[in-house]
C-alpha atoms as a PDB file:
ATOM      1  CA  UNK A   1      -5.419  10.251   9.314  1.00  0.00           C
ATOM      2  CA  UNK A   2      -4.925   8.693   5.924  1.00  0.00           C
ATOM      3  CA  UNK A   3      -7.832   6.630   4.652  1.00  0.00           C
ATOM      4  CA  UNK A   4      -9.174   4.922   1.534  1.00  0.00           C
ATOM      5  CA  UNK A   5      -9.865   8.308  -0.124  1.00  0.00           C
ATOM      6  CA  UNK A   6      -6.410   9.850   0.327  1.00  0.00           C
ATOM      7  CA  UNK A   7      -5.128  11.480  -2.858  1.00  0.00           C
ATOM      8  CA  UNK A   8      -2.297  13.730  -3.985  1.00  0.00           C
ATOM      9  CA  UNK A   9       1.484  13.733  -3.778  1.00  0.00           C
ATOM     10  CA  UNK A  10       3.178  12.179  -0.754  1.00  0.00           C
ATOM     11  CA  UNK A  11       6.821  12.959  -1.359  1.00  0.00           C
ATOM     12  CA  UNK A  12       9.242  10.296  -0.173  1.00  0.00           C
ATOM     13  CA  UNK A  13      11.760  12.240   1.910  1.00  0.00           C
ATOM     14  CA  UNK A  14      15.474  11.643   1.967  1.00  0.00           C
ATOM     15  CA  UNK A  15      17.305  11.783   5.292  1.00  0.00           C
ATOM     16  CA  UNK A  16      19.963  14.528   5.215  1.00  0.00           C
ATOM     17  CA  UNK A  17      23.375  13.875   6.761  1.00  0.00           C
ATOM     18  CA  UNK A  18      26.399  16.007   7.499  1.00  0.00           C
ATOM     19  CA  UNK A  19      29.700  14.998   5.826  1.00  0.00           C
ATOM     20  CA  UNK A  20      30.620  12.925   8.898  1.00  0.00           C
ATOM     21  CA  UNK A  21      27.400  10.906   8.566  1.00  0.00           C
ATOM     22  CA  UNK A  22      25.499  12.431  11.485  1.00  0.00           C
ATOM     23  CA  UNK A  23      21.968  13.748  11.082  1.00  0.00           C
ATOM     24  CA  UNK A  24      21.705  17.203   9.510  1.00  0.00           C
ATOM     25  CA  UNK A  25      18.690  18.621  11.325  1.00  0.00           C
ATOM     26  CA  UNK A  26      18.936  22.081   9.768  1.00  0.00           C
ATOM     27  CA  UNK A  27      18.722  20.529   6.311  1.00  0.00           C
ATOM     28  CA  UNK A  28      15.864  18.325   7.503  1.00  0.00           C
ATOM     29  CA  UNK A  29      13.855  21.447   8.365  1.00  0.00           C
ATOM     30  CA  UNK A  30      14.710  23.152   5.078  1.00  0.00           C
ATOM     31  CA  UNK A  31      13.860  20.007   3.129  1.00  0.00           C
ATOM     32  CA  UNK A  32      10.410  19.690   4.730  1.00  0.00           C
ATOM     33  CA  UNK A  33       9.676  23.313   3.848  1.00  0.00           C
ATOM     34  CA  UNK A  34      10.897  22.850   0.275  1.00  0.00           C
ATOM     35  CA  UNK A  35       8.896  19.676  -0.347  1.00  0.00           C
ATOM     36  CA  UNK A  36       5.709  21.389   0.806  1.00  0.00           C
ATOM     37  CA  UNK A  37       6.471  24.547  -1.176  1.00  0.00           C
ATOM     38  CA  UNK A  38       6.886  22.393  -4.276  1.00  0.00           C
ATOM     39  CA  UNK A  39       3.467  20.855  -3.977  1.00  0.00           C
ATOM     40  CA  UNK A  40       3.613  17.920  -1.575  1.00  0.00           C
ATOM     41  CA  UNK A  41       0.215  17.234  -0.054  1.00  0.00           C
ATOM     42  CA  UNK A  42       1.897  14.800   2.339  1.00  0.00           C
ATOM     43  CA  UNK A  43       5.313  13.414   3.265  1.00  0.00           C
ATOM     44  CA  UNK A  44       6.542   9.859   3.744  1.00  0.00           C
ATOM     45  CA  UNK A  45       9.629   9.412   5.895  1.00  0.00           C
ATOM     46  CA  UNK A  46      11.909   6.513   6.842  1.00  0.00           C
ATOM     47  CA  UNK A  47      11.271   4.605   3.650  1.00  0.00           C
ATOM     48  CA  UNK A  48      13.874   2.656   1.704  1.00  0.00           C
ATOM     49  CA  UNK A  49      15.199   5.801   0.038  1.00  0.00           C
ATOM     50  CA  UNK A  50      15.157   7.521   3.426  1.00  0.00           C
ATOM     51  CA  UNK A  51      17.964   5.170   4.543  1.00  0.00           C
ATOM     52  CA  UNK A  52      15.785   3.923   7.397  1.00  0.00           C
ATOM     53  CA  UNK A  53      17.855   0.768   7.709  1.00  0.00           C
ATOM     54  CA  UNK A  54      20.978   2.818   8.430  1.00  0.00           C
ATOM     55  CA  UNK A  55      19.481   4.753  11.346  1.00  0.00           C
ATOM     56  CA  UNK A  56      19.594   3.799  14.989  1.00  0.00           C
ATOM     57  CA  UNK A  57      16.264   3.588  16.809  1.00  0.00           C
ATOM     58  CA  UNK A  58      16.989   6.871  18.589  1.00  0.00           C
ATOM     59  CA  UNK A  59      17.849   8.588  15.303  1.00  0.00           C
ATOM     60  CA  UNK A  60      14.634   7.292  13.748  1.00  0.00           C
ATOM     61  CA  UNK A  61      12.637   8.742  16.624  1.00  0.00           C
ATOM     62  CA  UNK A  62      14.479  12.043  16.284  1.00  0.00           C
ATOM     63  CA  UNK A  63      13.659  12.241  12.573  1.00  0.00           C
ATOM     64  CA  UNK A  64      10.004  11.356  13.196  1.00  0.00           C
ATOM     65  CA  UNK A  65       9.572  14.025  15.849  1.00  0.00           C
ATOM     66  CA  UNK A  66      11.435  16.682  13.900  1.00  0.00           C
ATOM     67  CA  UNK A  67       9.577  16.185  10.638  1.00  0.00           C
ATOM     68  CA  UNK A  68       6.128  15.943  12.200  1.00  0.00           C
ATOM     69  CA  UNK A  69       6.696  19.038  14.330  1.00  0.00           C
ATOM     70  CA  UNK A  70       7.810  20.952  11.226  1.00  0.00           C
ATOM     71  CA  UNK A  71       5.308  19.685   8.678  1.00  0.00           C
ATOM     72  CA  UNK A  72       2.012  21.347   7.819  1.00  0.00           C
ATOM     73  CA  UNK A  73       0.867  18.330   5.777  1.00  0.00           C
ATOM     74  CA  UNK A  74       0.141  14.708   6.794  1.00  0.00           C
ATOM     75  CA  UNK A  75       3.171  12.498   7.468  1.00  0.00           C
ATOM     76  CA  UNK A  76       3.357   8.741   6.902  1.00  0.00           C
ATOM     77  CA  UNK A  77       6.169   6.889   8.671  1.00  0.00           C
ATOM     78  CA  UNK A  78       7.850   3.759   7.365  1.00  0.00           C
ATOM     79  CA  UNK A  79       7.888   1.194  10.185  1.00  0.00           C
ATOM     80  CA  UNK A  80       9.002  -1.941   8.347  1.00  0.00           C
ATOM     81  CA  UNK A  81      11.168  -4.037  10.659  1.00  0.00           C
ATOM     82  CA  UNK A  82      12.390  -7.614  11.037  1.00  0.00           C
ATOM     83  CA  UNK A  83      10.176  -8.137  14.076  1.00  0.00           C
ATOM     84  CA  UNK A  84       6.675  -7.035  15.015  1.00  0.00           C
ATOM     85  CA  UNK A  85       7.747  -5.699  18.410  1.00  0.00           C
ATOM     86  CA  UNK A  86       9.987  -3.110  16.753  1.00  0.00           C
ATOM     87  CA  UNK A  87       7.267  -2.305  14.228  1.00  0.00           C
ATOM     88  CA  UNK A  88       4.688  -1.769  16.963  1.00  0.00           C
ATOM     89  CA  UNK A  89       7.029   0.406  19.041  1.00  0.00           C
ATOM     90  CA  UNK A  90       7.951   2.630  16.098  1.00  0.00           C
ATOM     91  CA  UNK A  91       4.325   2.918  15.037  1.00  0.00           C
ATOM     92  CA  UNK A  92       3.250   3.925  18.535  1.00  0.00           C
ATOM     93  CA  UNK A  93       6.011   6.523  18.690  1.00  0.00           C
ATOM     94  CA  UNK A  94       4.995   7.965  15.309  1.00  0.00           C
ATOM     95  CA  UNK A  95       1.266   8.072  15.976  1.00  0.00           C
ATOM     96  CA  UNK A  96       1.723   9.543  19.459  1.00  0.00           C
ATOM     97  CA  UNK A  97       3.489  12.581  17.980  1.00  0.00           C
ATOM     98  CA  UNK A  98       1.009  13.134  15.174  1.00  0.00           C
ATOM     99  CA  UNK A  99       1.711  10.825  12.233  1.00  0.00           C
ATOM    100  CA  UNK A 100      -1.213  10.187   9.891  1.00  0.00           C
ATOM    101  CA  UNK A 101      -0.383   6.530   9.288  1.00  0.00           C
ATOM    102  CA  UNK A 102       2.452   4.077   8.777  1.00  0.00           C
ATOM    103  CA  UNK A 103       3.871   2.072   5.889  1.00  0.00           C
ATOM    104  CA  UNK A 104       4.791  -1.617   5.926  1.00  0.00           C
ATOM    105  CA  UNK A 105       6.761  -3.587   3.339  1.00  0.00           C
ATOM    106  CA  UNK A 106       6.835  -7.393   3.418  1.00  0.00           C
ATOM    107  CA  UNK A 107      10.159  -8.910   4.484  1.00  0.00           C
ATOM    108  CA  UNK A 108      12.274 -10.905   2.078  1.00  0.00           C
ATOM    109  CA  UNK A 109      11.624 -14.607   2.227  1.00  0.00           C
ATOM    110  CA  UNK A 110       7.853 -14.681   1.830  1.00  0.00           C
ATOM    111  CA  UNK A 111       7.248 -17.096  -1.029  1.00  0.00           C
ATOM    112  CA  UNK A 112       3.634 -18.193  -1.005  1.00  0.00           C
ATOM    113  CA  UNK A 113       0.358 -16.297  -1.095  1.00  0.00           C
ATOM    114  CA  UNK A 114      -0.577 -17.783   2.274  1.00  0.00           C
ATOM    115  CA  UNK A 115       2.662 -16.518   3.830  1.00  0.00           C
ATOM    116  CA  UNK A 116       2.071 -13.012   2.481  1.00  0.00           C
ATOM    117  CA  UNK A 117      -1.517 -12.853   3.715  1.00  0.00           C
ATOM    118  CA  UNK A 118      -0.514 -14.223   7.120  1.00  0.00           C
ATOM    119  CA  UNK A 119       2.264 -11.645   7.438  1.00  0.00           C
ATOM    120  CA  UNK A 120      -0.062  -8.709   6.838  1.00  0.00           C
ATOM    121  CA  UNK A 121      -2.664 -10.163   9.209  1.00  0.00           C
ATOM    122  CA  UNK A 122       0.030 -10.188  11.886  1.00  0.00           C
ATOM    123  CA  UNK A 123       1.182  -6.690  10.938  1.00  0.00           C
ATOM    124  CA  UNK A 124      -2.377  -5.362  11.165  1.00  0.00           C
ATOM    125  CA  UNK A 125      -2.807  -7.019  14.563  1.00  0.00           C
ATOM    126  CA  UNK A 126       0.389  -5.490  15.933  1.00  0.00           C
ATOM    127  CA  UNK A 127      -0.504  -2.036  14.607  1.00  0.00           C
ATOM    128  CA  UNK A 128      -3.952  -2.056  16.173  1.00  0.00           C
ATOM    129  CA  UNK A 129      -6.165   0.778  14.920  1.00  0.00           C
ATOM    130  CA  UNK A 130      -3.349   2.549  13.070  1.00  0.00           C
ATOM    131  CA  UNK A 131      -4.083   2.901   9.337  1.00  0.00           C
ATOM    132  CA  UNK A 132      -1.311   1.457   7.220  1.00  0.00           C
ATOM    133  CA  UNK A 133       0.055   1.502   3.703  1.00  0.00           C
ATOM    134  CA  UNK A 134       0.962  -1.784   2.028  1.00  0.00           C
ATOM    135  CA  UNK A 135       4.233  -1.183   0.184  1.00  0.00           C
ATOM    136  CA  UNK A 136       4.330  -3.393  -2.900  1.00  0.00           C
ATOM    137  CA  UNK A 137       7.902  -3.097  -4.204  1.00  0.00           C
ATOM    138  CA  UNK A 138       8.979  -6.534  -5.447  1.00  0.00           C
ATOM    139  CA  UNK A 139      12.128  -5.200  -7.107  1.00  0.00           C
ATOM    140  CA  UNK A 140      13.475  -4.376  -3.634  1.00  0.00           C
ATOM    141  CA  UNK A 141      11.784  -6.964  -1.427  1.00  0.00           C
ATOM    142  CA  UNK A 142      11.720  -9.925  -3.791  1.00  0.00           C
ATOM    143  CA  UNK A 143       8.112 -10.559  -2.710  1.00  0.00           C
ATOM    144  CA  UNK A 144       5.614 -10.845  -5.541  1.00  0.00           C
ATOM    145  CA  UNK A 145       2.088  -9.879  -4.460  1.00  0.00           C
ATOM    146  CA  UNK A 146      -0.623 -10.611  -7.002  1.00  0.00           C
ATOM    147  CA  UNK A 147      -3.761  -8.454  -7.309  1.00  0.00           C
ATOM    148  CA  UNK A 148      -5.857 -11.261  -5.827  1.00  0.00           C
ATOM    149  CA  UNK A 149      -3.632 -11.384  -2.732  1.00  0.00           C
ATOM    150  CA  UNK A 150      -3.768  -7.604  -2.343  1.00  0.00           C
ATOM    151  CA  UNK A 151      -7.561  -7.764  -2.569  1.00  0.00           C
ATOM    152  CA  UNK A 152      -7.639 -10.487   0.089  1.00  0.00           C
ATOM    153  CA  UNK A 153      -5.461  -8.427   2.437  1.00  0.00           C
ATOM    154  CA  UNK A 154      -7.594  -5.331   1.830  1.00  0.00           C
ATOM    155  CA  UNK A 155     -10.778  -7.282   2.525  1.00  0.00           C
ATOM    156  CA  UNK A 156      -9.525  -9.008   5.672  1.00  0.00           C
ATOM    157  CA  UNK A 157      -7.397  -6.167   7.136  1.00  0.00           C
ATOM    158  CA  UNK A 158      -9.643  -3.125   7.373  1.00  0.00           C
ATOM    159  CA  UNK A 159      -6.819  -0.867   8.582  1.00  0.00           C
ATOM    160  CA  UNK A 160      -5.003  -1.368   5.257  1.00  0.00           C
ATOM    161  CA  UNK A 161      -6.171   1.812   3.537  1.00  0.00           C
ATOM    162  CA  UNK A 162      -3.537   2.428   0.878  1.00  0.00           C
ATOM    163  CA  UNK A 163      -1.336   0.628  -1.611  1.00  0.00           C
ATOM    164  CA  UNK A 164       2.086   2.063  -2.412  1.00  0.00           C
ATOM    165  CA  UNK A 165       2.287   0.639  -5.889  1.00  0.00           C
ATOM    166  CA  UNK A 166       5.828   0.017  -7.119  1.00  0.00           C
ATOM    167  CA  UNK A 167       5.544  -3.122  -9.157  1.00  0.00           C
ATOM    168  CA  UNK A 168       7.448  -2.906 -12.417  1.00  0.00           C
ATOM    169  CA  UNK A 169       5.801  -3.369 -14.837  1.00  0.00           C
ATOM    170  CA  UNK A 170       2.636  -2.768 -12.894  1.00  0.00           C
ATOM    171  CA  UNK A 171       0.110  -0.811 -14.926  1.00  0.00           C
ATOM    172  CA  UNK A 172      -2.030  -3.896 -15.442  1.00  0.00           C
ATOM    173  CA  UNK A 173      -2.073  -4.436 -11.671  1.00  0.00           C
ATOM    174  CA  UNK A 174      -3.659  -0.998 -11.165  1.00  0.00           C
ATOM    175  CA  UNK A 175      -6.256  -1.761 -13.820  1.00  0.00           C
ATOM    176  CA  UNK A 176      -7.034  -5.115 -12.221  1.00  0.00           C
ATOM    177  CA  UNK A 177      -7.449  -3.604  -8.746  1.00  0.00           C
ATOM    178  CA  UNK A 178      -9.674  -0.810  -9.981  1.00  0.00           C
ATOM    179  CA  UNK A 179     -11.820  -3.232 -11.962  1.00  0.00           C
ATOM    180  CA  UNK A 180     -12.254  -5.324  -8.809  1.00  0.00           C
ATOM    181  CA  UNK A 181     -13.386  -2.219  -6.922  1.00  0.00           C
ATOM    182  CA  UNK A 182     -15.946  -1.495  -9.605  1.00  0.00           C
ATOM    183  CA  UNK A 183     -17.201  -5.041  -9.134  1.00  0.00           C
ATOM    184  CA  UNK A 184     -17.676  -4.600  -5.393  1.00  0.00           C
ATOM    185  CA  UNK A 185     -14.311  -5.058  -3.671  1.00  0.00           C
ATOM    186  CA  UNK A 186     -13.301  -2.472  -1.079  1.00  0.00           C
ATOM    187  CA  UNK A 187     -11.591   0.409  -2.834  1.00  0.00           C
ATOM    188  CA  UNK A 188      -8.418   1.744  -1.261  1.00  0.00           C
ATOM    189  CA  UNK A 189      -6.106   4.600  -2.177  1.00  0.00           C
ATOM    190  CA  UNK A 190      -3.351   3.802  -4.672  1.00  0.00           C
ATOM    191  CA  UNK A 191      -0.298   6.046  -4.701  1.00  0.00           C
ATOM    192  CA  UNK A 192       2.530   5.112  -7.059  1.00  0.00           C
ATOM    193  CA  UNK A 193       6.309   5.038  -6.807  1.00  0.00           C
ATOM    194  CA  UNK A 194       9.249   4.110  -9.062  1.00  0.00           C
ATOM    195  CA  UNK A 195      10.534   7.671  -9.060  1.00  0.00           C
ATOM    196  CA  UNK A 196       7.514   8.810 -11.046  1.00  0.00           C
ATOM    197  CA  UNK A 197       8.711   6.988 -14.150  1.00  0.00           C
ATOM    198  CA  UNK A 198       5.200   5.880 -15.144  1.00  0.00           C
ATOM    199  CA  UNK A 199       3.260   8.578 -13.305  1.00  0.00           C
ATOM    200  CA  UNK A 200       0.945   9.816 -16.041  1.00  0.00           C
ATOM    201  CA  UNK A 201       0.022   6.344 -17.229  1.00  0.00           C
ATOM    202  CA  UNK A 202      -0.567   5.296 -13.617  1.00  0.00           C
ATOM    203  CA  UNK A 203      -2.958   8.207 -13.117  1.00  0.00           C
ATOM    204  CA  UNK A 204      -4.790   7.258 -16.289  1.00  0.00           C
ATOM    205  CA  UNK A 205      -5.128   3.681 -15.015  1.00  0.00           C
ATOM    206  CA  UNK A 206      -6.824   4.860 -11.811  1.00  0.00           C
ATOM    207  CA  UNK A 207      -4.111   5.790  -9.326  1.00  0.00           C
ATOM    208  CA  UNK A 208      -4.919   8.519  -6.800  1.00  0.00           C
ATOM    209  CA  UNK A 209      -1.511  10.155  -6.928  1.00  0.00           C
ATOM    210  CA  UNK A 210       2.155   9.595  -6.218  1.00  0.00           C
ATOM    211  CA  UNK A 211       4.164   8.422  -3.250  1.00  0.00           C
ATOM    212  CA  UNK A 212       7.701   8.623  -4.471  1.00  0.00           C
ATOM    213  CA  UNK A 213      10.831  10.705  -4.409  1.00  0.00           C
ATOM    214  CA  UNK A 214      12.762  12.511  -7.107  1.00  0.00           C
ATOM    215  CA  UNK A 215      15.504  15.121  -7.117  1.00  0.00           C
ATOM    216  CA  UNK A 216      12.963  17.619  -8.487  1.00  0.00           C
ATOM    217  CA  UNK A 217       9.867  16.807  -6.415  1.00  0.00           C
ATOM    218  CA  UNK A 218       7.647  19.429  -8.017  1.00  0.00           C
ATOM    219  CA  UNK A 219       7.444  17.196 -11.099  1.00  0.00           C
ATOM    220  CA  UNK A 220       4.760  15.016  -9.535  1.00  0.00           C
ATOM    221  CA  UNK A 221       2.555  17.958  -8.622  1.00  0.00           C
ATOM    222  CA  UNK A 222       2.918  19.631 -12.027  1.00  0.00           C
ATOM    223  CA  UNK A 223       2.046  16.450 -13.932  1.00  0.00           C
ATOM    224  CA  UNK A 224      -0.876  15.523 -11.687  1.00  0.00           C
ATOM    225  CA  UNK A 225      -2.306  19.049 -11.750  1.00  0.00           C
ATOM    226  CA  UNK A 226      -2.208  19.081 -15.556  1.00  0.00           C
ATOM    227  CA  UNK A 227      -3.833  15.638 -15.626  1.00  0.00           C
ATOM    228  CA  UNK A 228      -6.680  16.726 -13.342  1.00  0.00           C
ATOM    229  CA  UNK A 229      -7.144  19.864 -15.457  1.00  0.00           C
ATOM    230  CA  UNK A 230      -7.738  17.588 -18.421  1.00  0.00           C
ATOM    231  CA  UNK A 231      -4.668  18.874 -20.273  1.00  0.00           C
ATOM    232  CA  UNK A 232      -2.980  15.573 -21.068  1.00  0.00           C
ATOM    233  CA  UNK A 233      -0.702  17.124 -23.672  1.00  0.00           C
ATOM    234  CA  UNK A 234       0.691  19.569 -21.126  1.00  0.00           C
ATOM    235  CA  UNK A 235       1.079  16.775 -18.595  1.00  0.00           C
ATOM    236  CA  UNK A 236       3.120  14.868 -21.191  1.00  0.00           C
ATOM    237  CA  UNK A 237       5.177  17.940 -22.086  1.00  0.00           C
ATOM    238  CA  UNK A 238       6.058  18.601 -18.447  1.00  0.00           C
ATOM    239  CA  UNK A 239       6.881  14.953 -17.852  1.00  0.00           C
ATOM    240  CA  UNK A 240       9.054  14.903 -20.986  1.00  0.00           C
ATOM    241  CA  UNK A 241      11.056  17.852 -19.661  1.00  0.00           C
ATOM    242  CA  UNK A 242      11.967  15.856 -16.557  1.00  0.00           C
ATOM    243  CA  UNK A 243      12.239  12.444 -18.218  1.00  0.00           C
ATOM    244  CA  UNK A 244      16.018  12.479 -18.928  1.00  0.00           C
ATOM    245  CA  UNK A 245      16.689  13.134 -15.232  1.00  0.00           C
ATOM    246  CA  UNK A 246      14.092  10.570 -14.122  1.00  0.00           C
ATOM    247  CA  UNK A 247      15.820   8.017 -16.363  1.00  0.00           C
ATOM    248  CA  UNK A 248      19.257   8.897 -15.015  1.00  0.00           C
ATOM    249  CA  UNK A 249      18.140   8.743 -11.385  1.00  0.00           C
ATOM    250  CA  UNK A 250      16.589   5.309 -11.972  1.00  0.00           C
ATOM    251  CA  UNK A 251      20.006   3.624 -12.169  1.00  0.00           C
ATOM    252  CA  UNK A 252      20.025   0.743  -9.661  1.00  0.00           C
ATOM    253  CA  UNK A 253      22.351   1.405  -6.752  1.00  0.00           C
ATOM    254  CA  UNK A 254      22.957   5.014  -7.802  1.00  0.00           C
ATOM    255  CA  UNK A 255      19.526   6.580  -7.466  1.00  0.00           C
ATOM    256  CA  UNK A 256      19.811   7.914  -3.930  1.00  0.00           C
ATOM    257  CA  UNK A 257      23.245   9.482  -4.507  1.00  0.00           C
ATOM    258  CA  UNK A 258      21.921  11.146  -7.664  1.00  0.00           C
ATOM    259  CA  UNK A 259      18.789  12.364  -5.913  1.00  0.00           C
ATOM    260  CA  UNK A 260      20.740  13.806  -3.010  1.00  0.00           C
ATOM    261  CA  UNK A 261      23.152  15.542  -5.374  1.00  0.00           C
ATOM    262  CA  UNK A 262      20.218  17.152  -7.182  1.00  0.00           C
ATOM    263  CA  UNK A 263      18.637  18.291  -3.917  1.00  0.00           C
ATOM    264  CA  UNK A 264      21.952  19.709  -2.685  1.00  0.00           C
ATOM    265  CA  UNK A 265      22.514  21.438  -6.030  1.00  0.00           C
ATOM    266  CA  UNK A 266      19.219  23.265  -5.525  1.00  0.00           C
ATOM    267  CA  UNK A 267      19.935  24.108  -1.899  1.00  0.00           C
ATOM    268  CA  UNK A 268      17.179  21.911  -0.505  1.00  0.00           C
ATOM    269  CA  UNK A 269      19.748  20.056   1.606  1.00  0.00           C
ATOM    270  CA  UNK A 270      23.231  21.281   2.395  1.00  0.00           C
ATOM    271  CA  UNK A 271      25.191  18.099   1.735  1.00  0.00           C
ATOM    272  CA  UNK A 272      24.685  15.201  -0.660  1.00  0.00           C
ATOM    273  CA  UNK A 273      25.995  12.714   1.902  1.00  0.00           C
ATOM    274  CA  UNK A 274      24.660   9.165   1.673  1.00  0.00           C
ATOM    275  CA  UNK A 275      25.369   7.285   4.893  1.00  0.00           C
ATOM    276  CA  UNK A 276      27.785   4.367   4.515  1.00  0.00           C
ATOM    277  CA  UNK A 277      27.685   1.812   3.093  1.00  0.00           C
ATOM    278  CA  UNK A 278      27.031   3.885   0.005  1.00  0.00           C
ATOM    279  CA  UNK A 279      27.998   4.603  -3.573  1.00  0.00           C
ATOM    280  CA  UNK A 280      29.820   7.824  -4.429  1.00  0.00           C
ATOM    281  CA  UNK A 281      29.284   9.790  -7.608  1.00  0.00           C
ATOM    282  CA  UNK A 282      32.249  10.190  -9.916  1.00  0.00           C
ATOM    283  CA  UNK A 283      33.281  13.527 -11.405  1.00  0.00           C
ATOM    284  CA  UNK A 284      31.867  12.327 -14.720  1.00  0.00           C
ATOM    285  CA  UNK A 285      28.521  11.410 -13.173  1.00  0.00           C
ATOM    286  CA  UNK A 286      28.205  14.791 -11.482  1.00  0.00           C
ATOM    287  CA  UNK A 287      28.931  16.537 -14.779  1.00  0.00           C
ATOM    288  CA  UNK A 288      26.250  14.434 -16.479  1.00  0.00           C
ATOM    289  CA  UNK A 289      23.668  15.240 -13.807  1.00  0.00           C
ATOM    290  CA  UNK A 290      24.413  18.956 -13.958  1.00  0.00           C
ATOM    291  CA  UNK A 291      24.157  18.962 -17.746  1.00  0.00           C
ATOM    292  CA  UNK A 292      20.779  17.255 -17.585  1.00  0.00           C
ATOM    293  CA  UNK A 293      19.634  19.784 -14.962  1.00  0.00           C
ATOM    294  CA  UNK A 294      20.536  22.738 -17.183  1.00  0.00           C
ATOM    295  CA  UNK A 295      18.650  21.283 -20.152  1.00  0.00           C
ATOM    296  CA  UNK A 296      15.699  20.461 -17.896  1.00  0.00           C
ATOM    297  CA  UNK A 297      15.546  24.047 -16.655  1.00  0.00           C
ATOM    298  CA  UNK A 298      15.566  25.385 -20.210  1.00  0.00           C
ATOM    299  CA  UNK A 299      12.760  23.068 -21.313  1.00  0.00           C
ATOM    300  CA  UNK A 300      10.604  24.035 -18.331  1.00  0.00           C
ATOM    301  CA  UNK A 301      11.102  27.730 -19.028  1.00  0.00           C
ATOM    302  CA  UNK A 302      10.171  27.121 -22.670  1.00  0.00           C
ATOM    303  CA  UNK A 303       6.930  25.518 -21.407  1.00  0.00           C
ATOM    304  CA  UNK A 304       6.168  28.620 -19.375  1.00  0.00           C
ATOM    305  CA  UNK A 305       6.721  27.015 -15.971  1.00  0.00           C
ATOM    306  CA  UNK A 306       7.749  29.828 -13.584  1.00  0.00           C
ATOM    307  CA  UNK A 307      11.302  29.495 -12.323  1.00  0.00           C
ATOM    308  CA  UNK A 308      10.271  29.699  -8.675  1.00  0.00           C
ATOM    309  CA  UNK A 309       8.141  26.554  -9.131  1.00  0.00           C
ATOM    310  CA  UNK A 310      11.175  24.374  -9.781  1.00  0.00           C
ATOM    311  CA  UNK A 311      14.050  26.367  -8.302  1.00  0.00           C
ATOM    312  CA  UNK A 312      14.024  27.531  -4.694  1.00  0.00           C
ATOM    313  CA  UNK A 313      16.096  30.648  -5.266  1.00  0.00           C
ATOM    314  CA  UNK A 314      15.582  31.928  -1.714  1.00  0.00           C
ATOM    315  CA  UNK A 315      16.749  28.624  -0.260  1.00  0.00           C
ATOM    316  CA  UNK A 316      19.716  28.583  -2.629  1.00  0.00           C
ATOM    317  CA  UNK A 317      20.690  32.083  -1.505  1.00  0.00           C
ATOM    318  CA  UNK A 318      20.410  31.115   2.166  1.00  0.00           C
ATOM    319  CA  UNK A 319      22.626  28.088   1.532  1.00  0.00           C
ATOM    320  CA  UNK A 320      25.221  30.175  -0.294  1.00  0.00           C
ATOM    321  CA  UNK A 321      25.371  32.579   2.623  1.00  0.00           C
ATOM    322  CA  UNK A 322      25.764  29.711   5.110  1.00  0.00           C
ATOM    323  CA  UNK A 323      28.835  28.466   3.233  1.00  0.00           C
ATOM    324  CA  UNK A 324      30.693  31.788   3.411  1.00  0.00           C
END
């Protein structure tokens, strides 16, 4: 189970689809293996970038069971839903098959601090003993949660063990929460999102790791390992090698299509399909992504990062064979 001490890299997983929009279970298996091989200490599925809102309830259950049965690392399942009955049912399904916890984002429309606190009280009640992650992503939800409100939720809802920090800008929020913990507030795990855009600074502010996705998921592990080794310059150099692609993937409304293209390019998934409604990449965009990828590879090799750390050549070969 996840708890207040959980650290590391929980990679946010995409949901692979075939060209006709149906689930691609073979790619789902290959993706789980690739994420773990590239340094994930955990996986988070059915999040916003996992297209959870586009799946039927039966498809969601199928993804949960498939990933958990395949994974050798803890799995957190996104269970955000318009109603608590659906949330409770999905959480029960996930925990019964071996999930390590669930993640809950506040619904749009919560305006006041009292409404936010009340919502998470109700969520905690419906989840029972299941440990949960509070997803703080105001850019997507429109719900602004101040540090004081987070601290109140953490204090009053003991099963809230982790914050998925995605406020933007949000570095001062991490500092504020960690200062409160030093002063006696209950300390919980903080894993950060936003595609890793501020990862090193977040670690330096007191985060415990990352819970985000990126088309090159090994980036989070490489940066965090260098940080923990005390080699901040190397952490910056590695991050700088990936930064042009991180920046490109951060385009609103385009990020998932870009990420899936990058994963398909590497052979992690077979198709870059984003389930409709979706945005398609133009020929020009694909050329730009591929150019950035080539420069990224060169910079990593110049830094002495082994090719097999950031390029799954065996997976790529298997994919090439499957297309013949």
